[in-house]
Amino acid sequence: MPFVSTNGIRLAYQRSGQGEPVLLIMGSGAAGHVWTMHQTPALNQAGYETIVFDNRGIAPSDAPPGAYSMADMVADTKGLIEALGLGPCRIVGTSLGAAIAQELAIRAPHLVRCAVLIAARARSDATRLAMSAGDRELRESGITLPPKYQAMRTALEMLSPATLARDAESSSWLDIFELTGGGNGTAEGQYAVDILSDRREALRRITVPCRAIGFADDMICPPHLVAEVADAIPDCDFVLLPDCGHLGNLEHPEAVNTAIIEFLDKN
């Protein structure tokens, strides 16, 4: 896997397909290659080149010690686009990746042609603030939850009840989460990235076309918060997909891919 040096660190990246470039930004604790399970093959088939990368803190990219900031993550992505000569390019981001894409569109609009914001939010409501505070207290306590319990908790937070109701799928997901530590592979530094602040007013400065994709059963970025992103960005539509949790791009990839490609083809 090749590397690019940006913002004082090295980022690992992967390119595939041919055509105009689409940069995909992954969320917390996940490697860029997660996109290659479903999204990059569909984008390549649709005539786009795709670029995925591992955010700082995710091997084999560098994992500098200490807390990371949103400014760090945005500068990393900006430097990657510049080093590879991609800009202005189409961008797809999910969760933390969507937050990075939003900030990049605000701070460096000349590098962004359009953006698809999956499971995005512009602020945190009382429930999401409580969830974040609880997670922070658990980390600071030093308590390690048993793998099976952590896997079950992650499944309940990340997946749709419709998926969990299907025994074979639910069992497979629980096995995956248990093997990967319940989905908590996030580098410690990523926990400090601010995704709680209210950015609705800042989003009004975005001038590029955007699409916000929400998932009906998402506990992390529920539909009403994703809708606020679409309302704040002047040229942004909102697509809501049913029977999907926070990992909707893996639960129902065909629907997500259709929503992505339809928007990119128009922009």
Protein backbone atom coordinates (compact mmCIF):
# COMPACT_ATOMS: atom_id res chain seq x y z
CA MET A 1 0.00 0.00 0.00
CA PRO A 2 1.46 3.40 -0.94
CA PHE A 3 1.84 6.28 1.50
CA VAL A 4 1.66 10.04 1.22
CA SER A 5 3.28 12.47 3.65
CA THR A 6 0.93 15.19 4.82
CA ASN A 7 0.61 17.44 7.86
CA GLY A 8 3.67 15.86 9.49
CA ILE A 9 2.48 12.24 9.24
CA ARG A 10 2.19 9.43 6.69
CA LEU A 11 -1.18 8.25 5.46
CA ALA A 12 -1.71 4.92 3.71
CA TYR A 13 -4.04 5.06 0.72
CA GLN A 14 -5.37 2.90 -2.08
CA ARG A 15 -6.61 3.83 -5.57
CA SER A 16 -8.81 1.73 -7.82
CA GLY A 17 -10.80 2.12 -11.01
CA GLN A 18 -10.61 4.74 -13.71
CA GLY A 19 -12.42 7.99 -14.26
CA GLU A 20 -12.94 11.16 -12.26
CA PRO A 21 -11.75 10.77 -8.66
CA VAL A 22 -13.93 10.17 -5.62
CA LEU A 23 -12.27 10.39 -2.21
CA LEU A 24 -13.93 8.32 0.54
CA ILE A 25 -13.36 9.25 4.20
CA MET A 26 -14.02 6.58 6.82
CA GLY A 27 -15.47 7.06 10.30
CA SER A 28 -13.98 6.50 13.76
CA GLY A 29 -11.98 3.40 14.42
CA ALA A 30 -12.36 1.83 10.99
CA ALA A 31 -9.86 1.30 8.21
CA GLY A 32 -10.34 2.82 4.78
CA HIS A 33 -10.57 -0.62 3.21
CA VAL A 34 -14.05 -1.02 4.74
CA TRP A 35 -15.22 1.05 1.74
CA THR A 36 -13.87 -1.64 -0.59
CA MET A 37 -16.40 -4.22 0.61
CA HIS A 38 -19.31 -2.56 -1.18
CA GLN A 39 -18.82 1.09 -2.13
CA THR A 40 -15.66 1.23 -4.25
CA PRO A 41 -16.64 -1.68 -6.54
CA ALA A 42 -19.95 0.03 -7.30
CA LEU A 43 -18.27 3.40 -7.87
CA ASN A 44 -15.62 1.84 -10.11
CA GLN A 45 -18.32 0.11 -12.13
CA ALA A 46 -20.12 3.46 -12.44
CA GLY A 47 -17.01 4.97 -14.05
CA TYR A 48 -15.24 6.62 -11.13
CA GLU A 49 -11.75 6.23 -9.73
CA THR A 50 -11.86 5.76 -5.96
CA ILE A 51 -9.31 6.73 -3.33
CA VAL A 52 -9.60 5.35 0.20
CA PHE A 53 -7.17 5.99 3.04
CA ASP A 54 -6.59 5.24 6.70
CA ASN A 55 -7.09 8.22 8.98
CA ARG A 56 -4.37 9.05 11.49
CA GLY A 57 -4.46 6.51 14.28
CA ILE A 58 -5.43 3.61 12.01
CA ALA A 59 -2.59 1.32 10.90
CA PRO A 60 -0.71 1.33 8.65
CA SER A 61 -1.08 5.14 8.70
CA ASP A 62 0.84 6.89 11.45
CA ALA A 63 -0.67 7.05 14.94
CA PRO A 64 1.00 10.00 16.67
CA PRO A 65 0.55 10.07 20.46
CA GLY A 66 -1.84 12.43 22.17
CA ALA A 67 -5.27 13.78 21.41
CA TYR A 68 -6.32 14.52 17.83
CA SER A 69 -8.34 17.55 16.80
CA MET A 70 -10.77 18.13 13.96
CA ALA A 71 -8.20 20.55 12.57
CA ASP A 72 -5.68 17.68 12.46
CA MET A 73 -8.09 15.41 10.57
CA VAL A 74 -9.07 18.11 8.09
CA ALA A 75 -5.45 19.11 7.46
CA ASP A 76 -4.54 15.45 6.87
CA THR A 77 -7.28 15.07 4.27
CA LYS A 78 -6.51 18.42 2.66
CA GLY A 79 -2.86 17.44 2.32
CA LEU A 80 -3.76 14.08 0.81
CA ILE A 81 -5.94 15.73 -1.84
CA GLU A 82 -3.19 18.21 -2.66
CA ALA A 83 -0.40 15.61 -2.72
CA LEU A 84 -2.34 13.35 -5.09
CA GLY A 85 -3.57 16.25 -7.24
CA LEU A 86 -7.21 15.29 -6.80
CA GLY A 87 -8.84 18.65 -6.22
CA PRO A 88 -11.46 19.71 -6.76
CA CYS A 89 -12.84 16.21 -6.24
CA ARG A 90 -16.04 14.49 -5.22
CA ILE A 91 -16.01 13.40 -1.59
CA VAL A 92 -17.96 10.74 0.30
CA GLY A 93 -17.68 10.59 4.09
CA THR A 94 -19.43 8.62 6.80
CA SER A 95 -19.86 9.55 10.47
CA LEU A 96 -16.55 11.17 11.54
CA GLY A 97 -15.61 11.07 7.86
CA ALA A 98 -18.72 13.12 7.06
CA ALA A 99 -17.74 15.65 9.73
CA ILE A 100 -14.28 15.92 8.16
CA ALA A 101 -15.85 16.39 4.72
CA GLN A 102 -18.12 19.14 6.08
CA GLU A 103 -15.21 21.03 7.60
CA LEU A 104 -13.10 20.58 4.48
CA ALA A 105 -15.90 22.09 2.38
CA ILE A 106 -15.96 25.07 4.76
CA ARG A 107 -12.20 25.61 5.03
CA ALA A 108 -10.97 24.55 1.57
CA PRO A 109 -13.90 24.77 -0.86
CA HIS A 110 -11.51 24.92 -3.82
CA LEU A 111 -10.65 21.25 -3.19
CA VAL A 112 -14.24 19.98 -3.01
CA ARG A 113 -16.45 19.55 -6.06
CA CYS A 114 -19.39 18.06 -4.16
CA ALA A 115 -19.90 15.93 -1.06
CA VAL A 116 -22.03 13.02 0.10
CA LEU A 117 -22.43 13.15 3.88
CA ILE A 118 -23.46 9.77 5.29
CA ALA A 119 -24.66 9.55 8.91
CA ALA A 120 -23.64 13.15 9.46
CA ARG A 121 -24.63 15.59 12.15
CA ALA A 122 -24.01 19.25 12.89
CA ARG A 123 -24.56 19.06 16.66
CA SER A 124 -25.30 16.60 19.43
CA ASP A 125 -28.65 16.47 21.20
CA ALA A 126 -29.11 15.56 24.86
CA THR A 127 -29.16 11.81 24.17
CA ARG A 128 -26.00 11.86 22.05
CA LEU A 129 -24.23 14.04 24.65
CA ALA A 130 -25.16 11.52 27.34
CA MET A 131 -23.90 8.64 25.21
CA SER A 132 -20.58 10.42 24.61
CA ALA A 133 -20.20 11.27 28.29
CA GLY A 134 -20.90 7.67 29.28
CA ASP A 135 -18.38 6.33 26.79
CA ARG A 136 -15.77 8.80 28.04
CA GLU A 137 -16.32 7.77 31.67
CA LEU A 138 -16.00 4.11 30.73
CA ARG A 139 -12.68 4.72 28.92
CA GLU A 140 -11.30 6.81 31.76
CA SER A 141 -12.30 4.17 34.32
CA GLY A 142 -9.94 1.68 32.74
CA ILE A 143 -12.63 -0.99 32.79
CA THR A 144 -12.48 -3.51 29.94
CA LEU A 145 -15.85 -4.97 29.07
CA PRO A 146 -16.04 -8.71 28.27
CA PRO A 147 -15.83 -9.25 24.49
CA LYS A 148 -19.25 -10.85 24.17
CA TYR A 149 -20.91 -8.05 26.11
CA GLN A 150 -19.08 -5.38 24.11
CA ALA A 151 -20.07 -7.09 20.86
CA MET A 152 -23.72 -7.17 21.90
CA ARG A 153 -23.65 -3.51 22.94
CA THR A 154 -22.03 -2.51 19.67
CA ALA A 155 -24.61 -4.45 17.65
CA LEU A 156 -27.47 -2.72 19.46
CA GLU A 157 -25.91 0.71 18.85
CA MET A 158 -24.78 0.22 15.27
CA LEU A 159 -27.36 -2.00 13.56
CA SER A 160 -31.02 -1.75 12.67
CA PRO A 161 -33.56 -3.81 14.65
CA ALA A 162 -34.54 -5.26 11.27
CA THR A 163 -31.03 -6.70 10.89
CA LEU A 164 -30.95 -7.95 14.47
CA ALA A 165 -34.29 -9.71 13.95
CA ARG A 166 -32.73 -11.97 11.32
CA ASP A 167 -30.90 -14.61 13.34
CA ALA A 168 -28.29 -15.57 10.76
CA GLU A 169 -27.30 -11.96 10.08
CA SER A 170 -27.35 -11.03 13.75
CA SER A 171 -25.10 -13.98 14.64
CA SER A 172 -22.64 -13.08 11.91
CA TRP A 173 -22.44 -9.45 13.04
CA LEU A 174 -21.98 -10.47 16.69
CA ASP A 175 -19.11 -12.76 15.67
CA ILE A 176 -17.48 -9.93 13.70
CA PHE A 177 -17.82 -7.44 16.56
CA GLU A 178 -16.44 -9.94 19.06
CA LEU A 179 -13.42 -10.68 16.86
CA THR A 180 -12.74 -6.98 16.33
CA GLY A 181 -13.14 -6.04 19.98
CA GLY A 182 -16.72 -4.87 19.65
CA GLY A 183 -15.84 -2.42 16.92
CA ASN A 184 -13.68 -0.34 19.28
CA GLY A 185 -10.50 -0.30 17.23
CA THR A 186 -10.31 3.48 17.40
CA ALA A 187 -6.91 4.93 18.19
CA GLU A 188 -7.08 6.71 21.52
CA GLY A 189 -6.34 10.05 19.89
CA GLN A 190 -9.50 9.92 17.78
CA TYR A 191 -11.70 9.99 20.88
CA ALA A 192 -10.71 13.62 21.42
CA VAL A 193 -11.92 14.83 18.01
CA ASP A 194 -14.76 17.29 18.61
CA ILE A 195 -17.96 16.09 16.95
CA LEU A 196 -20.22 17.48 19.67
CA SER A 197 -20.10 21.22 18.97
CA ASP A 198 -22.94 22.96 17.14
CA ARG A 199 -21.72 23.63 13.59
CA ARG A 200 -25.07 24.52 11.99
CA GLU A 201 -24.18 28.16 11.45
CA ALA A 202 -20.77 27.25 9.97
CA LEU A 203 -22.42 24.81 7.55
CA ARG A 204 -24.32 27.73 6.00
CA ARG A 205 -20.99 28.82 4.45
CA ILE A 206 -20.69 25.66 2.34
CA THR A 207 -21.07 26.54 -1.34
CA VAL A 208 -20.69 23.15 -3.03
CA PRO A 209 -23.59 20.75 -3.70
CA CYS A 210 -24.12 18.18 -0.96
CA ARG A 211 -26.33 15.21 -0.21
CA ALA A 212 -26.99 14.06 3.36
CA ILE A 213 -27.87 10.38 3.72
CA GLY A 214 -29.56 9.34 6.94
CA PHE A 215 -30.49 5.93 8.30
CA ALA A 216 -33.90 5.50 9.89
CA ASP A 217 -32.62 3.38 12.81
CA ASP A 218 -29.31 5.17 13.44
CA MET A 219 -28.74 5.71 17.17
CA ILE A 220 -25.44 7.58 16.70
CA CYS A 221 -26.59 10.06 14.04
CA PRO A 222 -30.40 9.82 14.11
CA PRO A 223 -32.46 11.14 11.18
CA HIS A 224 -33.46 14.39 12.85
CA LEU A 225 -29.81 15.38 13.28
CA VAL A 226 -28.92 14.41 9.71
CA ALA A 227 -31.88 16.46 8.49
CA GLU A 228 -30.45 19.47 10.33
CA VAL A 229 -27.27 19.13 8.26
CA ALA A 230 -29.29 19.19 5.06
CA ASP A 231 -31.28 22.19 6.30
CA ALA A 232 -28.12 24.14 7.21
CA ILE A 233 -26.19 23.64 3.96
CA PRO A 234 -27.67 25.89 1.24
CA ASP A 235 -27.48 23.33 -1.60
CA CYS A 236 -28.05 20.01 0.14
CA ASP A 237 -30.77 17.41 -0.24
CA PHE A 238 -31.68 14.68 2.23
CA VAL A 239 -32.14 10.96 1.58
CA LEU A 240 -33.50 8.76 4.37
CA LEU A 241 -33.04 5.00 4.04
CA PRO A 242 -35.17 2.55 6.04
CA ASP A 243 -34.05 -0.51 8.03
CA CYS A 244 -30.52 0.81 8.47
CA GLY A 245 -28.52 1.56 11.61
CA HIS A 246 -25.29 3.56 11.81
CA LEU A 247 -23.58 0.98 9.59
CA GLY A 248 -26.18 1.30 6.86
CA ASN A 249 -23.54 1.34 4.15
CA LEU A 250 -22.77 -2.26 5.17
CA GLU A 251 -26.31 -3.35 6.06
CA HIS A 252 -27.95 -2.18 2.81
CA PRO A 253 -25.10 -1.27 0.47
CA GLU A 254 -27.16 -1.37 -2.73
CA ALA A 255 -29.49 1.40 -1.51
CA VAL A 256 -26.58 3.46 -0.22
CA ASN A 257 -24.58 3.00 -3.42
CA THR A 258 -27.57 4.05 -5.52
CA ALA A 259 -27.99 7.23 -3.47
CA ILE A 260 -24.27 8.04 -3.75
CA ILE A 261 -23.90 7.40 -7.46
CA GLU A 262 -27.12 9.18 -8.42
CA PHE A 263 -25.87 12.32 -6.70
CA LEU A 264 -22.30 12.12 -8.01
CA ASP A 265 -23.52 11.64 -11.58
CA LYS A 266 -25.43 14.93 -11.30
CA ASN A 267 -22.46 16.82 -9.90
